[in-house]
Amino acid sequence: MTIICGKCEKEMKEIELKEYEFEDGIILDNVRAMQCPSGHVTFTEEQADILDI
């Protein structure tokens, strides 16, 4: 499945963020996300479900 960035319209690839601030003061480690070559980050529905802590 190809995901296209809504901001720059470039193809996104799955990456692992070493740290991600989920909410103010809540830091998560090793989070899977999608990122385009321009650096924009988003989450698939499945990735977002995992973040739902």
N, C-alpha and C. Protein backbone atom coordinates (compact mmCIF):
# COMPACT_ATOMS: atom_id res chain seq x y z
N MET A 1 0.84 -1.18 0.00
CA MET A 1 0.00 0.00 0.00
C MET A 1 0.89 1.24 0.00
N THR A 2 0.66 2.16 -0.90
CA THR A 2 1.42 3.39 -0.99
C THR A 2 0.66 4.50 -0.28
N ILE A 3 1.37 5.23 0.57
CA ILE A 3 0.78 6.37 1.28
C ILE A 3 1.47 7.62 0.76
N ILE A 4 0.67 8.60 0.36
CA ILE A 4 1.17 9.86 -0.17
C ILE A 4 0.98 10.95 0.87
N CYS A 5 2.00 11.76 1.08
CA CYS A 5 1.94 12.87 2.03
C CYS A 5 0.90 13.89 1.57
N GLY A 6 0.03 14.29 2.47
CA GLY A 6 -1.00 15.28 2.15
C GLY A 6 -0.45 16.69 2.03
N LYS A 7 0.76 16.94 2.55
CA LYS A 7 1.34 18.28 2.52
C LYS A 7 2.20 18.51 1.28
N CYS A 8 3.00 17.50 0.89
CA CYS A 8 3.92 17.70 -0.23
C CYS A 8 3.69 16.73 -1.38
N GLU A 9 2.77 15.78 -1.20
CA GLU A 9 2.38 14.81 -2.22
C GLU A 9 3.52 13.88 -2.65
N LYS A 10 4.46 13.62 -1.73
CA LYS A 10 5.53 12.66 -1.98
C LYS A 10 5.21 11.36 -1.25
N GLU A 11 5.76 10.26 -1.76
CA GLU A 11 5.51 8.95 -1.15
C GLU A 11 6.15 8.85 0.23
N MET A 12 5.40 8.28 1.17
CA MET A 12 5.88 8.12 2.54
C MET A 12 6.40 6.70 2.74
N LYS A 13 7.38 6.58 3.61
CA LYS A 13 7.96 5.28 3.94
C LYS A 13 7.84 5.07 5.45
N GLU A 14 7.74 3.79 5.85
CA GLU A 14 7.65 3.49 7.28
C GLU A 14 9.02 3.64 7.93
N ILE A 15 9.03 4.31 9.08
CA ILE A 15 10.26 4.53 9.84
C ILE A 15 9.99 4.17 11.31
N GLU A 16 11.03 4.19 12.10
CA GLU A 16 10.90 4.04 13.54
C GLU A 16 11.45 5.29 14.21
N LEU A 17 10.60 5.99 14.95
CA LEU A 17 11.02 7.16 15.69
C LEU A 17 11.61 6.70 17.02
N LYS A 18 12.83 7.11 17.31
CA LYS A 18 13.46 6.70 18.58
C LYS A 18 12.67 7.23 19.77
N GLU A 19 12.16 8.47 19.65
CA GLU A 19 11.31 9.05 20.69
C GLU A 19 10.18 9.83 20.03
N TYR A 20 9.00 9.78 20.63
CA TYR A 20 7.85 10.52 20.12
C TYR A 20 7.07 11.04 21.32
N GLU A 21 6.82 12.37 21.35
CA GLU A 21 6.04 12.95 22.44
C GLU A 21 4.56 12.78 22.12
N PHE A 22 3.95 11.78 22.74
CA PHE A 22 2.55 11.41 22.50
C PHE A 22 1.62 12.52 22.98
N GLU A 23 1.83 12.97 24.18
CA GLU A 23 1.11 14.09 24.79
C GLU A 23 2.12 14.84 25.62
N ASP A 24 1.74 16.01 26.11
CA ASP A 24 2.65 16.80 26.94
C ASP A 24 3.25 15.95 28.05
N GLY A 25 4.54 15.73 27.98
CA GLY A 25 5.24 14.99 29.02
C GLY A 25 5.22 13.48 28.88
N ILE A 26 4.48 12.94 27.92
CA ILE A 26 4.44 11.48 27.71
C ILE A 26 5.29 11.15 26.50
N ILE A 27 6.48 10.61 26.76
CA ILE A 27 7.42 10.28 25.69
C ILE A 27 7.38 8.77 25.45
N LEU A 28 7.17 8.38 24.20
CA LEU A 28 7.17 6.97 23.82
C LEU A 28 8.45 6.67 23.05
N ASP A 29 9.00 5.48 23.24
CA ASP A 29 10.23 5.06 22.56
C ASP A 29 9.91 4.10 21.42
N ASN A 30 10.70 4.17 20.36
CA ASN A 30 10.64 3.22 19.24
C ASN A 30 9.23 3.10 18.66
N VAL A 31 8.71 4.21 18.15
CA VAL A 31 7.36 4.28 17.60
C VAL A 31 7.42 4.17 16.08
N ARG A 32 6.61 3.28 15.50
CA ARG A 32 6.52 3.14 14.05
C ARG A 32 5.64 4.27 13.50
N ALA A 33 6.08 4.90 12.40
CA ALA A 33 5.36 6.01 11.79
C ALA A 33 5.66 6.03 10.29
N MET A 34 5.00 6.92 9.58
CA MET A 34 5.25 7.14 8.16
C MET A 34 5.89 8.52 8.01
N GLN A 35 6.92 8.61 7.14
CA GLN A 35 7.60 9.88 6.91
C GLN A 35 7.91 10.04 5.42
N CYS A 36 7.70 11.27 4.92
CA CYS A 36 8.02 11.56 3.52
C CYS A 36 9.45 12.12 3.45
N PRO A 37 10.01 12.24 2.25
CA PRO A 37 11.37 12.78 2.11
C PRO A 37 11.51 14.21 2.63
N SER A 38 10.38 14.95 2.71
CA SER A 38 10.41 16.32 3.22
C SER A 38 10.42 16.37 4.75
N GLY A 39 10.20 15.21 5.40
CA GLY A 39 10.25 15.15 6.85
C GLY A 39 8.91 15.18 7.56
N HIS A 40 7.81 15.28 6.81
CA HIS A 40 6.49 15.25 7.43
C HIS A 40 6.22 13.85 7.97
N VAL A 41 5.59 13.78 9.15
CA VAL A 41 5.32 12.49 9.81
C VAL A 41 3.83 12.33 10.02
N THR A 42 3.34 11.12 9.78
CA THR A 42 1.95 10.77 10.06
C THR A 42 1.91 9.31 10.49
N PHE A 43 0.73 8.86 10.87
CA PHE A 43 0.56 7.48 11.33
C PHE A 43 -0.56 6.82 10.55
N THR A 44 -0.37 5.55 10.21
CA THR A 44 -1.47 4.78 9.63
C THR A 44 -2.46 4.49 10.75
N GLU A 45 -3.62 4.02 10.39
CA GLU A 45 -4.63 3.68 11.39
C GLU A 45 -4.11 2.62 12.36
N GLU A 46 -3.41 1.63 11.83
CA GLU A 46 -2.85 0.57 12.66
C GLU A 46 -1.79 1.11 13.62
N GLN A 47 -0.93 2.00 13.12
CA GLN A 47 0.10 2.59 13.97
C GLN A 47 -0.54 3.44 15.06
N ALA A 48 -1.58 4.20 14.72
CA ALA A 48 -2.26 5.05 15.69
C ALA A 48 -2.96 4.21 16.76
N ASP A 49 -3.52 3.07 16.36
CA ASP A 49 -4.17 2.18 17.34
C ASP A 49 -3.18 1.72 18.40
N ILE A 50 -1.95 1.45 18.00
CA ILE A 50 -0.92 1.02 18.94
C ILE A 50 -0.58 2.14 19.92
N LEU A 51 -0.63 3.40 19.45
CA LEU A 51 -0.34 4.55 20.31
C LEU A 51 -1.44 4.82 21.32
N ASP A 52 -2.60 4.28 21.13
CA ASP A 52 -3.76 4.53 21.98
C ASP A 52 -3.56 3.89 23.34
N ILE A 53 -2.79 4.59 24.20
CA ILE A 53 -2.49 4.03 25.53
C ILE A 53 -3.43 4.55 26.60
